Protein backbone atom coordinates (compact mmCIF):
# COMPACT_ATOMS: atom_id res chain seq x y z
CA UNK A 1 63.72 113.39 89.19
CA UNK A 2 66.22 113.56 92.01
CA UNK A 3 69.01 112.60 89.59
CA UNK A 4 68.07 115.50 87.32
CA UNK A 5 68.36 117.92 90.24
CA UNK A 6 71.68 116.34 91.15
CA UNK A 7 73.00 116.89 87.61
CA UNK A 8 71.69 120.46 87.59
CA UNK A 9 73.48 121.26 90.85
CA UNK A 10 76.66 119.68 89.47
CA UNK A 11 76.44 121.82 86.33
CA UNK A 12 75.81 124.87 88.50
CA UNK A 13 78.92 123.98 90.51
CA UNK A 14 80.98 123.77 87.34
CA UNK A 15 79.73 127.13 86.05
CA UNK A 16 80.54 128.71 89.41
CA UNK A 17 83.76 126.89 90.18
CA UNK A 18 85.68 126.80 86.90
CA UNK A 19 85.83 130.60 86.35
CA UNK A 20 86.51 131.13 90.06
CA UNK A 21 89.34 128.60 89.97
CA UNK A 22 91.08 130.30 87.04
CA UNK A 23 90.60 133.72 88.64
CA UNK A 24 92.01 132.41 91.93
CA UNK A 25 95.05 130.93 90.11
CA UNK A 26 95.74 134.29 88.49
CA UNK A 27 95.42 136.08 91.81
CA UNK A 28 97.75 133.62 93.54
CA UNK A 29 100.38 134.12 90.84
CA UNK A 30 100.19 137.89 91.35
CA UNK A 31 100.20 137.56 95.14
CA UNK A 32 103.52 135.67 95.20
CA UNK A 33 105.46 138.84 94.30
CA UNK A 34 103.01 141.56 95.16
CA UNK A 35 102.57 144.83 96.93
CA UNK A 36 99.41 146.70 97.86
CA UNK A 37 98.23 150.21 97.32
CA UNK A 38 94.97 152.10 97.14
CA UNK A 39 93.29 153.17 93.95
CA UNK A 40 90.25 155.10 92.83
CA UNK A 41 87.44 153.72 90.71
CA UNK A 42 87.38 155.97 87.64
CA UNK A 43 84.46 154.36 85.84
CA UNK A 44 82.21 151.34 86.08
CA UNK A 45 81.62 149.99 82.60
CA UNK A 46 78.19 148.58 81.89
CA UNK A 47 77.37 147.53 78.39
CA UNK A 48 74.46 145.89 76.64
CA UNK A 49 76.16 145.56 73.26
CA UNK A 50 77.24 142.46 71.37
CA UNK A 51 77.62 139.18 73.22
CA UNK A 52 76.85 140.90 76.49
CA UNK A 53 73.24 141.66 75.55
CA UNK A 54 72.02 140.79 79.07
CA UNK A 55 74.70 142.98 80.61
CA UNK A 56 72.44 144.63 83.15
CA UNK A 57 71.33 141.23 84.44
CA UNK A 58 74.68 139.47 84.37
CA UNK A 59 78.18 139.98 85.63
CA UNK A 60 79.05 142.88 83.38
CA UNK A 61 80.29 145.65 85.67
CA UNK A 62 84.01 146.13 85.06
CA UNK A 63 85.42 148.91 87.24
CA UNK A 64 88.31 150.89 85.80
CA UNK A 65 90.68 151.48 88.72
CA UNK A 66 93.52 154.01 88.70
CA UNK A 67 96.41 153.59 91.15
CA UNK A 68 99.91 154.99 91.57
CA UNK A 69 103.15 153.02 91.86
CA UNK A 70 106.44 154.90 92.19
CA UNK A 71 105.05 158.17 90.83
CA UNK A 72 103.52 156.49 87.79
CA UNK A 73 99.80 156.07 87.37
CA UNK A 74 98.27 152.87 86.07
CA UNK A 75 94.70 152.22 85.00
CA UNK A 76 93.47 148.66 85.10
CA UNK A 77 90.05 147.31 84.25
CA UNK A 78 89.18 144.84 86.97
CA UNK A 79 86.72 141.98 87.07
CA UNK A 80 83.70 142.46 89.30
CA UNK A 81 81.99 139.21 90.21
CA UNK A 82 78.83 140.81 91.50
CA UNK A 83 75.75 139.42 89.86
CA UNK A 84 72.41 140.83 88.87
CA UNK A 85 71.69 144.27 90.33
CA UNK A 86 74.16 144.12 93.23
CA UNK A 87 76.94 146.48 92.14
CA UNK A 88 79.89 146.73 94.51
CA UNK A 89 81.79 149.65 93.05
CA UNK A 90 80.80 153.23 92.48
CA UNK A 91 82.77 155.84 90.58
CA UNK A 92 85.10 157.73 92.92
CA UNK A 93 85.30 154.99 95.55
CA UNK A 94 88.68 154.10 97.06
CA UNK A 95 89.65 150.42 96.80
CA UNK A 96 92.65 148.34 97.84
CA UNK A 97 94.67 147.02 94.89
CA UNK A 98 97.19 144.18 94.93
CA UNK A 99 99.66 144.43 92.06
CA UNK A 100 102.66 142.46 90.89
CA UNK A 101 105.88 144.36 91.71
CA UNK A 102 107.52 143.75 88.35
CA UNK A 103 104.35 144.16 86.30
CA UNK A 104 102.16 146.76 88.08
CA UNK A 105 99.39 146.57 85.47
CA UNK A 106 98.85 142.96 86.52
CA UNK A 107 96.60 143.60 89.49
CA UNK A 108 93.41 142.66 91.29
CA UNK A 109 91.16 144.10 93.97
CA UNK A 110 91.44 142.69 97.48
CA UNK A 111 87.67 142.41 97.80
CA UNK A 112 87.50 140.35 94.60
CA UNK A 113 89.99 137.83 96.01
CA UNK A 114 87.74 137.24 99.01
CA UNK A 115 84.73 136.85 96.76
CA UNK A 116 86.59 134.45 94.48
CA UNK A 117 87.30 132.24 97.49
CA UNK A 118 83.62 132.47 98.39
CA UNK A 119 82.70 131.28 94.88
CA UNK A 120 85.11 128.34 95.21
CA UNK A 121 83.51 127.32 98.51
CA UNK A 122 80.03 127.70 96.98
CA UNK A 123 81.04 125.43 94.09
CA UNK A 124 82.39 122.84 96.54
CA UNK A 125 79.13 122.98 98.47
CA UNK A 126 77.11 122.56 95.29
CA UNK A 127 79.16 119.49 94.34
CA UNK A 128 78.62 117.97 97.78
CA UNK A 129 74.89 118.69 97.58
CA UNK A 130 74.72 117.11 94.11
CA UNK A 131 76.52 114.01 95.43
CA UNK A 132 74.15 113.80 98.41
CA UNK A 133 71.12 114.03 96.14
CA UNK A 134 72.53 111.33 93.88
CA UNK A 135 73.34 109.15 96.92
CA UNK A 136 69.84 109.54 98.34
CA UNK A 137 68.41 108.44 95.00
CA UNK A 138 70.67 105.38 94.95
CA UNK A 139 70.10 104.44 98.60
CA UNK A 140 66.31 104.58 98.27
CA UNK A 141 66.39 102.94 94.84
CA UNK A 142 64.62 105.78 93.07
CA UNK A 143 64.29 105.28 89.31
CA UNK A 144 66.04 107.48 86.81
């Protein structure tokens, strides 16, 4: 039984860590040649259509953020990693945006970068916990 919990925690770590890793890589690429500005949340999309049929329970909020760079306005739909009913963004809120200087529409929210790092640390912790559970099962000779 302990091995099953170990595998479940490892799978949980993969489902948390893999998307966070790719998001973090994208953010790091943008950050290398970036600038910051402030934008306004124009809309927070929530949908229950199609593949996103559990949208209100999952990670479906996608804030549309408008920001200005050199007298030109850009609108970018961001990724919100808040889960379940914990929504971070409200329409009209001011948020900090990091954008690539050469490609301003390639952007992310500063808060989301911090939360992506949190997800990476959570995935690492889940992997360690899965390894500890597996090790305890092996040390005490528990059957599969």
